[in-house]
All heavy atoms as atom14 arrays in JSON, in Angstrom:
{
  "sequence": "GDYVHFGEQYQGEAGPLDMDYYVLRDNLDKAKKQFKDAKRTI",
  "atom14_mask": [
    [1, 1, 1, 1, 0, 0, 0, 0, 0, 0, 0, 0, 0, 0],
    [1, 1, 1, 1, 1, 1, 1, 1, 0, 0, 0, 0, 0, 0],
    [1, 1, 1, 1, 1, 1, 1, 1, 1, 1, 1, 1, 0, 0],
    [1, 1, 1, 1, 1, 1, 1, 0, 0, 0, 0, 0, 0, 0],
    [1, 1, 1, 1, 1, 1, 1, 1, 1, 1, 0, 0, 0, 0],
    [1, 1, 1, 1, 1, 1, 1, 1, 1, 1, 1, 0, 0, 0],
    [1, 1, 1, 1, 0, 0, 0, 0, 0, 0, 0, 0, 0, 0],
    [1, 1, 1, 1, 1, 1, 1, 1, 1, 0, 0, 0, 0, 0],
    [1, 1, 1, 1, 1, 1, 1, 1, 1, 0, 0, 0, 0, 0],
    [1, 1, 1, 1, 1, 1, 1, 1, 1, 1, 1, 1, 0, 0],
    [1, 1, 1, 1, 1, 1, 1, 1, 1, 0, 0, 0, 0, 0],
    [1, 1, 1, 1, 0, 0, 0, 0, 0, 0, 0, 0, 0, 0],
    [1, 1, 1, 1, 1, 1, 1, 1, 1, 0, 0, 0, 0, 0],
    [1, 1, 1, 1, 1, 0, 0, 0, 0, 0, 0, 0, 0, 0],
    [1, 1, 1, 1, 0, 0, 0, 0, 0, 0, 0, 0, 0, 0],
    [1, 1, 1, 1, 1, 1, 1, 0, 0, 0, 0, 0, 0, 0],
    [1, 1, 1, 1, 1, 1, 1, 1, 0, 0, 0, 0, 0, 0],
    [1, 1, 1, 1, 1, 1, 1, 1, 0, 0, 0, 0, 0, 0],
    [1, 1, 1, 1, 1, 1, 1, 1, 0, 0, 0, 0, 0, 0],
    [1, 1, 1, 1, 1, 1, 1, 1, 0, 0, 0, 0, 0, 0],
    [1, 1, 1, 1, 1, 1, 1, 1, 1, 1, 1, 1, 0, 0],
    [1, 1, 1, 1, 1, 1, 1, 1, 1, 1, 1, 1, 0, 0],
    [1, 1, 1, 1, 1, 1, 1, 0, 0, 0, 0, 0, 0, 0],
    [1, 1, 1, 1, 1, 1, 1, 1, 0, 0, 0, 0, 0, 0],
    [1, 1, 1, 1, 1, 1, 1, 1, 1, 1, 1, 0, 0, 0],
    [1, 1, 1, 1, 1, 1, 1, 1, 0, 0, 0, 0, 0, 0],
    [1, 1, 1, 1, 1, 1, 1, 1, 0, 0, 0, 0, 0, 0],
    [1, 1, 1, 1, 1, 1, 1, 1, 0, 0, 0, 0, 0, 0],
    [1, 1, 1, 1, 1, 1, 1, 1, 0, 0, 0, 0, 0, 0],
    [1, 1, 1, 1, 1, 1, 1, 1, 1, 0, 0, 0, 0, 0],
    [1, 1, 1, 1, 1, 0, 0, 0, 0, 0, 0, 0, 0, 0],
    [1, 1, 1, 1, 1, 1, 1, 1, 1, 0, 0, 0, 0, 0],
    [1, 1, 1, 1, 1, 1, 1, 1, 1, 0, 0, 0, 0, 0],
    [1, 1, 1, 1, 1, 1, 1, 1, 1, 0, 0, 0, 0, 0],
    [1, 1, 1, 1, 1, 1, 1, 1, 1, 1, 1, 0, 0, 0],
    [1, 1, 1, 1, 1, 1, 1, 1, 1, 0, 0, 0, 0, 0],
    [1, 1, 1, 1, 1, 1, 1, 1, 0, 0, 0, 0, 0, 0],
    [1, 1, 1, 1, 1, 0, 0, 0, 0, 0, 0, 0, 0, 0],
    [1, 1, 1, 1, 1, 1, 1, 1, 1, 0, 0, 0, 0, 0],
    [1, 1, 1, 1, 1, 1, 1, 1, 1, 1, 1, 0, 0, 0],
    [1, 1, 1, 1, 1, 1, 1, 0, 0, 0, 0, 0, 0, 0],
    [1, 1, 1, 1, 1, 1, 1, 1, 0, 0, 0, 0, 0, 0]
  ],
  "atom14_positions": [
    [[12.84, -9.59, -5.62], [13.77, -8.53, -5.21], [13.87, -8.5, -3.63], [13.31, -9.35, -2.97], [0.0, 0.0, 0.0], [0.0, 0.0, 0.0], [0.0, 0.0, 0.0], [0.0, 0.0, 0.0], [0.0, 0.0, 0.0], [0.0, 0.0, 0.0], [0.0, 0.0, 0.0], [0.0, 0.0, 0.0], [0.0, 0.0, 0.0], [0.0, 0.0, 0.0]],
    [[14.64, -7.53, -3.21], [14.82, -7.34, -1.73], [13.69, -6.48, -1.24], [13.84, -5.25, -0.97], [16.2, -6.69, -1.5], [16.46, -6.46, -0.04], [15.92, -7.22, 0.81], [17.24, -5.54, 0.28], [0.0, 0.0, 0.0], [0.0, 0.0, 0.0], [0.0, 0.0, 0.0], [0.0, 0.0, 0.0], [0.0, 0.0, 0.0], [0.0, 0.0, 0.0]],
    [[12.47, -7.06, -1.1], [11.26, -6.3, -0.87], [11.06, -6.18, 0.68], [11.38, -7.02, 1.43], [10.07, -6.96, -1.44], [9.96, -6.88, -3.0], [10.1, -7.92, -3.78], [9.65, -5.6, -3.56], [9.94, -7.81, -5.21], [9.47, -5.51, -4.92], [9.67, -6.58, -5.74], [9.48, -6.47, -7.09], [0.0, 0.0, 0.0], [0.0, 0.0, 0.0]],
    [[10.38, -5.01, 0.98], [9.82, -4.86, 2.31], [8.35, -4.57, 2.07], [7.87, -4.18, 1.02], [10.51, -3.7, 3.09], [11.91, -4.04, 3.46], [10.46, -2.41, 2.33], [0.0, 0.0, 0.0], [0.0, 0.0, 0.0], [0.0, 0.0, 0.0], [0.0, 0.0, 0.0], [0.0, 0.0, 0.0], [0.0, 0.0, 0.0], [0.0, 0.0, 0.0]],
    [[7.56, -4.78, 3.15], [6.11, -4.78, 3.05], [5.48, -3.8, 4.02], [5.95, -3.61, 5.15], [5.51, -6.18, 3.26], [4.03, -6.18, 3.47], [3.47, -6.19, 4.77], [3.0, -6.22, 2.61], [2.15, -6.2, 4.64], [1.84, -6.18, 3.37], [0.0, 0.0, 0.0], [0.0, 0.0, 0.0], [0.0, 0.0, 0.0], [0.0, 0.0, 0.0]],
    [[4.43, -3.15, 3.55], [3.53, -2.44, 4.47], [2.13, -2.55, 3.83], [2.02, -2.93, 2.66], [3.96, -0.98, 4.69], [3.82, -0.04, 3.5], [2.75, 0.82, 3.41], [4.75, -0.04, 2.54], [2.68, 1.72, 2.34], [4.73, 0.8, 1.47], [3.65, 1.7, 1.34], [0.0, 0.0, 0.0], [0.0, 0.0, 0.0], [0.0, 0.0, 0.0]],
    [[1.12, -2.23, 4.56], [-0.24, -2.38, 4.0], [-1.27, -1.64, 4.84], [-0.98, -0.96, 5.8], [0.0, 0.0, 0.0], [0.0, 0.0, 0.0], [0.0, 0.0, 0.0], [0.0, 0.0, 0.0], [0.0, 0.0, 0.0], [0.0, 0.0, 0.0], [0.0, 0.0, 0.0], [0.0, 0.0, 0.0], [0.0, 0.0, 0.0], [0.0, 0.0, 0.0]],
    [[-2.48, -1.75, 4.36], [-3.62, -1.09, 5.03], [-4.89, -1.84, 4.59], [-4.82, -2.75, 3.75], [-3.71, 0.37, 4.63], [-3.9, 0.64, 3.1], [-3.77, 2.1, 2.73], [-4.17, 2.93, 3.61], [-3.41, 2.39, 1.64], [0.0, 0.0, 0.0], [0.0, 0.0, 0.0], [0.0, 0.0, 0.0], [0.0, 0.0, 0.0], [0.0, 0.0, 0.0]],
    [[-6.0, -1.44, 5.11], [-7.28, -2.02, 4.77], [-8.25, -0.93, 4.36], [-8.31, 0.11, 5.03], [-7.83, -2.85, 5.92], [-8.83, -3.97, 5.54], [-9.18, -4.82, 6.62], [-9.89, -4.4, 7.59], [-8.76, -6.1, 6.6], [0.0, 0.0, 0.0], [0.0, 0.0, 0.0], [0.0, 0.0, 0.0], [0.0, 0.0, 0.0], [0.0, 0.0, 0.0]],
    [[-8.97, -1.16, 3.27], [-9.95, -0.14, 2.79], [-11.34, -0.74, 2.98], [-11.62, -1.92, 2.6], [-9.7, 0.1, 1.36], [-10.71, 1.04, 0.69], [-10.83, 2.36, 1.03], [-11.63, 0.55, -0.29], [-11.77, 3.18, 0.46], [-12.62, 1.34, -0.85], [-12.67, 2.67, -0.46], [-13.61, 3.49, -1.0], [0.0, 0.0, 0.0], [0.0, 0.0, 0.0]],
    [[-12.21, 0.0, 3.55], [-13.63, -0.37, 3.75], [-14.33, -0.03, 2.49], [-14.86, 1.02, 2.31], [-14.18, 0.31, 5.0], [-13.49, -0.03, 6.31], [-13.56, -1.54, 6.62], [-14.55, -2.17, 6.37], [-12.45, -2.09, 7.12], [0.0, 0.0, 0.0], [0.0, 0.0, 0.0], [0.0, 0.0, 0.0], [0.0, 0.0, 0.0], [0.0, 0.0, 0.0]],
    [[-14.47, -1.05, 1.65], [-15.0, -0.82, 0.34], [-16.46, -1.28, 0.19], [-17.09, -1.68, 1.2], [0.0, 0.0, 0.0], [0.0, 0.0, 0.0], [0.0, 0.0, 0.0], [0.0, 0.0, 0.0], [0.0, 0.0, 0.0], [0.0, 0.0, 0.0], [0.0, 0.0, 0.0], [0.0, 0.0, 0.0], [0.0, 0.0, 0.0], [0.0, 0.0, 0.0]],
    [[-16.97, -1.25, -1.0], [-18.39, -1.67, -1.22], [-18.7, -3.1, -0.91], [-19.8, -3.4, -0.56], [-18.76, -1.33, -2.7], [-18.87, 0.14, -3.04], [-19.51, 0.4, -4.38], [-20.18, -0.56, -4.93], [-19.4, 1.5, -4.89], [0.0, 0.0, 0.0], [0.0, 0.0, 0.0], [0.0, 0.0, 0.0], [0.0, 0.0, 0.0], [0.0, 0.0, 0.0]],
    [[-17.69, -3.95, -1.02], [-17.87, -5.36, -0.76], [-17.25, -5.79, 0.59], [-17.03, -6.98, 0.75], [-17.3, -6.22, -1.91], [0.0, 0.0, 0.0], [0.0, 0.0, 0.0], [0.0, 0.0, 0.0], [0.0, 0.0, 0.0], [0.0, 0.0, 0.0], [0.0, 0.0, 0.0], [0.0, 0.0, 0.0], [0.0, 0.0, 0.0], [0.0, 0.0, 0.0]],
    [[-16.93, -4.83, 1.43], [-16.36, -5.13, 2.67], [-14.96, -4.68, 2.82], [-14.49, -3.83, 2.03], [0.0, 0.0, 0.0], [0.0, 0.0, 0.0], [0.0, 0.0, 0.0], [0.0, 0.0, 0.0], [0.0, 0.0, 0.0], [0.0, 0.0, 0.0], [0.0, 0.0, 0.0], [0.0, 0.0, 0.0], [0.0, 0.0, 0.0], [0.0, 0.0, 0.0]],
    [[-14.24, -5.23, 3.72], [-12.76, -4.81, 3.96], [-11.93, -5.4, 2.83], [-11.95, -6.6, 2.56], [-12.39, -5.38, 5.3], [-13.36, -6.54, 5.53], [-14.64, -6.13, 4.83], [0.0, 0.0, 0.0], [0.0, 0.0, 0.0], [0.0, 0.0, 0.0], [0.0, 0.0, 0.0], [0.0, 0.0, 0.0], [0.0, 0.0, 0.0], [0.0, 0.0, 0.0]],
    [[-11.1, -4.53, 2.2], [-10.21, -4.89, 1.14], [-8.79, -4.8, 1.65], [-8.34, -3.66, 2.09], [-10.39, -4.04, -0.1], [-9.43, -4.25, -1.23], [-9.5, -5.67, -1.81], [-9.61, -3.18, -2.32], [0.0, 0.0, 0.0], [0.0, 0.0, 0.0], [0.0, 0.0, 0.0], [0.0, 0.0, 0.0], [0.0, 0.0, 0.0], [0.0, 0.0, 0.0]],
    [[-8.1, -5.92, 1.66], [-6.61, -5.87, 2.03], [-5.85, -5.24, 0.9], [-5.91, -5.66, -0.23], [-6.11, -7.3, 2.3], [-6.77, -7.88, 3.54], [-7.05, -7.12, 4.49], [-7.01, -9.12, 3.57], [0.0, 0.0, 0.0], [0.0, 0.0, 0.0], [0.0, 0.0, 0.0], [0.0, 0.0, 0.0], [0.0, 0.0, 0.0], [0.0, 0.0, 0.0]],
    [[-5.05, -4.21, 1.26], [-4.21, -3.54, 0.25], [-2.77, -3.63, 0.75], [-2.43, -3.09, 1.79], [-4.64, -2.07, 0.11], [-6.13, -1.95, -0.33], [-6.6, -0.21, -0.6], [-5.63, 0.23, -2.04], [0.0, 0.0, 0.0], [0.0, 0.0, 0.0], [0.0, 0.0, 0.0], [0.0, 0.0, 0.0], [0.0, 0.0, 0.0], [0.0, 0.0, 0.0]],
    [[-1.95, -4.37, 0.06], [-0.59, -4.61, 0.41], [0.44, -4.01, -0.56], [0.13, -4.02, -1.79], [-0.34, -6.16, 0.44], [-1.13, -6.81, 1.55], [-0.8, -6.62, 2.74], [-2.14, -7.52, 1.23], [0.0, 0.0, 0.0], [0.0, 0.0, 0.0], [0.0, 0.0, 0.0], [0.0, 0.0, 0.0], [0.0, 0.0, 0.0], [0.0, 0.0, 0.0]],
    [[1.55, -3.48, -0.04], [2.54, -2.83, -0.85], [3.88, -3.43, -0.63], [4.26, -3.62, 0.49], [2.5, -1.39, -0.5], [1.11, -0.71, -0.49], [0.62, -0.19, 0.74], [0.32, -0.66, -1.62], [-0.71, 0.33, 0.75], [-0.96, -0.12, -1.61], [-1.43, 0.42, -0.42], [-2.7, 0.92, -0.39], [0.0, 0.0, 0.0], [0.0, 0.0, 0.0]],
    [[4.53, -3.78, -1.73], [5.85, -4.34, -1.67], [6.82, -3.46, -2.47], [6.6, -3.3, -3.67], [5.86, -5.8, -2.25], [5.05, -6.81, -1.38], [3.7, -6.93, -1.6], [5.67, -7.52, -0.4], [2.99, -7.83, -0.82], [4.97, -8.4, 0.38], [3.64, -8.59, 0.15], [2.89, -9.45, 0.91], [0.0, 0.0, 0.0], [0.0, 0.0, 0.0]],
    [[7.86, -2.91, -1.76], [8.75, -1.97, -2.38], [10.19, -2.37, -2.02], [10.43, -3.04, -1.08], [8.42, -0.52, -2.01], [7.0, -0.16, -2.38], [8.65, -0.34, -0.49], [0.0, 0.0, 0.0], [0.0, 0.0, 0.0], [0.0, 0.0, 0.0], [0.0, 0.0, 0.0], [0.0, 0.0, 0.0], [0.0, 0.0, 0.0], [0.0, 0.0, 0.0]],
    [[11.13, -1.86, -2.79], [12.52, -2.08, -2.45], [12.85, -1.36, -1.11], [12.3, -0.32, -0.81], [13.44, -1.54, -3.54], [13.4, -2.26, -4.91], [14.36, -1.63, -5.89], [13.61, -3.77, -4.74], [0.0, 0.0, 0.0], [0.0, 0.0, 0.0], [0.0, 0.0, 0.0], [0.0, 0.0, 0.0], [0.0, 0.0, 0.0], [0.0, 0.0, 0.0]],
    [[13.73, -2.0, -0.39], [14.05, -1.61, 0.95], [14.32, -0.09, 1.07], [13.84, 0.63, 1.99], [15.2, -2.39, 1.52], [15.54, -2.25, 2.95], [16.52, -3.25, 3.43], [16.13, -4.61, 3.05], [15.38, -5.34, 3.88], [14.92, -4.85, 5.01], [15.06, -6.61, 3.54], [0.0, 0.0, 0.0], [0.0, 0.0, 0.0], [0.0, 0.0, 0.0]],
    [[15.12, 0.43, 0.16], [15.48, 1.85, 0.22], [14.35, 2.83, -0.1], [14.52, 4.02, 0.1], [16.66, 2.1, -0.73], [17.98, 1.48, -0.31], [18.01, 0.95, 0.82], [18.94, 1.46, -1.06], [0.0, 0.0, 0.0], [0.0, 0.0, 0.0], [0.0, 0.0, 0.0], [0.0, 0.0, 0.0], [0.0, 0.0, 0.0], [0.0, 0.0, 0.0]],
    [[13.24, 2.34, -0.63], [12.19, 3.23, -1.07], [10.99, 3.2, -0.16], [9.9, 3.77, -0.52], [11.77, 2.84, -2.5], [12.82, 3.05, -3.5], [13.66, 3.94, -3.37], [12.84, 2.24, -4.54], [0.0, 0.0, 0.0], [0.0, 0.0, 0.0], [0.0, 0.0, 0.0], [0.0, 0.0, 0.0], [0.0, 0.0, 0.0], [0.0, 0.0, 0.0]],
    [[11.09, 2.62, 1.03], [9.96, 2.46, 1.9], [9.3, 3.79, 2.29], [8.13, 3.96, 2.21], [10.38, 1.71, 3.15], [9.28, 1.47, 4.18], [8.12, 0.64, 3.57], [9.86, 0.77, 5.42], [0.0, 0.0, 0.0], [0.0, 0.0, 0.0], [0.0, 0.0, 0.0], [0.0, 0.0, 0.0], [0.0, 0.0, 0.0], [0.0, 0.0, 0.0]],
    [[10.11, 4.73, 2.68], [9.55, 6.08, 3.15], [8.84, 6.76, 1.99], [7.76, 7.31, 2.17], [10.7, 6.91, 3.69], [11.2, 6.45, 5.01], [10.47, 5.64, 5.69], [12.33, 6.82, 5.39], [0.0, 0.0, 0.0], [0.0, 0.0, 0.0], [0.0, 0.0, 0.0], [0.0, 0.0, 0.0], [0.0, 0.0, 0.0], [0.0, 0.0, 0.0]],
    [[9.47, 6.76, 0.77], [8.83, 7.36, -0.37], [7.5, 6.71, -0.74], [6.55, 7.32, -1.08], [9.79, 7.33, -1.54], [10.98, 8.28, -1.46], [11.79, 8.33, -2.72], [12.6, 7.05, -2.92], [13.53, 7.15, -4.06], [0.0, 0.0, 0.0], [0.0, 0.0, 0.0], [0.0, 0.0, 0.0], [0.0, 0.0, 0.0], [0.0, 0.0, 0.0]],
    [[7.51, 5.39, -0.63], [6.32, 4.6, -0.99], [5.16, 4.91, -0.04], [3.95, 4.99, -0.46], [6.61, 3.11, -1.0], [0.0, 0.0, 0.0], [0.0, 0.0, 0.0], [0.0, 0.0, 0.0], [0.0, 0.0, 0.0], [0.0, 0.0, 0.0], [0.0, 0.0, 0.0], [0.0, 0.0, 0.0], [0.0, 0.0, 0.0], [0.0, 0.0, 0.0]],
    [[5.45, 5.04, 1.24], [4.43, 5.29, 2.22], [3.73, 6.61, 1.93], [2.55, 6.77, 2.24], [4.97, 5.31, 3.65], [5.33, 3.83, 4.13], [5.78, 3.92, 5.61], [6.0, 2.47, 6.12], [6.49, 2.49, 7.54], [0.0, 0.0, 0.0], [0.0, 0.0, 0.0], [0.0, 0.0, 0.0], [0.0, 0.0, 0.0], [0.0, 0.0, 0.0]],
    [[4.41, 7.51, 1.34], [3.84, 8.8, 1.01], [3.11, 8.68, -0.35], [1.95, 9.08, -0.48], [4.92, 9.88, 0.91], [4.37, 11.23, 0.5], [5.51, 12.3, 0.39], [5.04, 13.63, -0.02], [6.14, 14.62, -0.14], [0.0, 0.0, 0.0], [0.0, 0.0, 0.0], [0.0, 0.0, 0.0], [0.0, 0.0, 0.0], [0.0, 0.0, 0.0]],
    [[3.74, 8.13, -1.36], [3.24, 8.17, -2.75], [2.02, 7.23, -2.89], [1.11, 7.47, -3.64], [4.28, 7.8, -3.72], [3.91, 8.03, -5.17], [3.8, 9.55, -5.58], [4.26, 10.4, -4.79], [3.24, 9.79, -6.62], [0.0, 0.0, 0.0], [0.0, 0.0, 0.0], [0.0, 0.0, 0.0], [0.0, 0.0, 0.0], [0.0, 0.0, 0.0]],
    [[2.06, 6.13, -2.22], [1.04, 5.09, -2.36], [-0.3, 5.46, -1.69], [-1.22, 4.68, -1.73], [1.48, 3.7, -1.89], [2.47, 3.06, -2.86], [2.96, 3.74, -3.96], [2.88, 1.76, -2.6], [3.9, 3.12, -4.82], [3.8, 1.13, -3.47], [4.28, 1.86, -4.58], [0.0, 0.0, 0.0], [0.0, 0.0, 0.0], [0.0, 0.0, 0.0]],
    [[-0.36, 6.66, -1.17], [-1.66, 7.13, -0.64], [-2.62, 7.28, -1.79], [-3.86, 7.21, -1.57], [-1.51, 8.49, 0.04], [-0.79, 8.36, 1.4], [-0.6, 9.77, 2.06], [0.13, 9.61, 3.41], [0.31, 10.89, 4.06], [0.0, 0.0, 0.0], [0.0, 0.0, 0.0], [0.0, 0.0, 0.0], [0.0, 0.0, 0.0], [0.0, 0.0, 0.0]],
    [[-2.16, 7.4, -3.04], [-3.03, 7.43, -4.17], [-3.77, 6.09, -4.45], [-4.81, 6.05, -5.11], [-2.27, 7.85, -5.46], [-2.45, 9.27, -5.82], [-3.21, 10.01, -5.1], [-1.87, 9.73, -6.82], [0.0, 0.0, 0.0], [0.0, 0.0, 0.0], [0.0, 0.0, 0.0], [0.0, 0.0, 0.0], [0.0, 0.0, 0.0], [0.0, 0.0, 0.0]],
    [[-3.2, 5.05, -3.86], [-3.84, 3.69, -4.12], [-5.25, 3.62, -3.51], [-6.19, 3.2, -4.18], [-2.95, 2.62, -3.51], [0.0, 0.0, 0.0], [0.0, 0.0, 0.0], [0.0, 0.0, 0.0], [0.0, 0.0, 0.0], [0.0, 0.0, 0.0], [0.0, 0.0, 0.0], [0.0, 0.0, 0.0], [0.0, 0.0, 0.0], [0.0, 0.0, 0.0]],
    [[-5.4, 3.97, -2.27], [-6.72, 3.91, -1.62], [-7.65, 4.93, -2.28], [-8.86, 4.65, -2.48], [-6.6, 4.22, -0.13], [-7.87, 4.1, 0.59], [-7.77, 4.48, 2.07], [-7.15, 3.41, 2.86], [-7.25, 3.67, 4.35], [0.0, 0.0, 0.0], [0.0, 0.0, 0.0], [0.0, 0.0, 0.0], [0.0, 0.0, 0.0], [0.0, 0.0, 0.0]],
    [[-7.17, 6.11, -2.68], [-7.97, 7.13, -3.29], [-8.48, 6.6, -4.67], [-9.51, 6.9, -5.14], [-7.2, 8.43, -3.46], [-7.11, 9.2, -2.24], [-5.84, 10.1, -2.15], [-5.38, 10.71, -3.35], [-5.77, 11.91, -3.82], [-6.64, 12.65, -3.1], [-5.3, 12.42, -4.94], [0.0, 0.0, 0.0], [0.0, 0.0, 0.0], [0.0, 0.0, 0.0]],
    [[-7.61, 5.79, -5.32], [-7.96, 5.23, -6.63], [-9.07, 4.2, -6.48], [-10.04, 4.18, -7.22], [-6.73, 4.57, -7.23], [-5.71, 5.59, -7.47], [-7.09, 3.89, -8.59], [0.0, 0.0, 0.0], [0.0, 0.0, 0.0], [0.0, 0.0, 0.0], [0.0, 0.0, 0.0], [0.0, 0.0, 0.0], [0.0, 0.0, 0.0], [0.0, 0.0, 0.0]],
    [[-8.93, 3.32, -5.49], [-9.99, 2.33, -5.26], [-11.31, 3.03, -4.95], [-12.37, 2.61, -5.46], [-9.61, 1.34, -4.17], [-8.32, 0.58, -4.55], [-10.73, 0.38, -3.84], [-8.43, -0.32, -5.75], [0.0, 0.0, 0.0], [0.0, 0.0, 0.0], [0.0, 0.0, 0.0], [0.0, 0.0, 0.0], [0.0, 0.0, 0.0], [0.0, 0.0, 0.0]]
  ]
}
């Protein structure tokens, strides 16, 4: 698709974990808010 990317790093039990997010261009702002659950899930 027509993806855009953002990401972060989580300091987990086995060290730094790269967490990458690929979303459609128009949904970038919504994703930056909603995907906060990702790190909380890990």
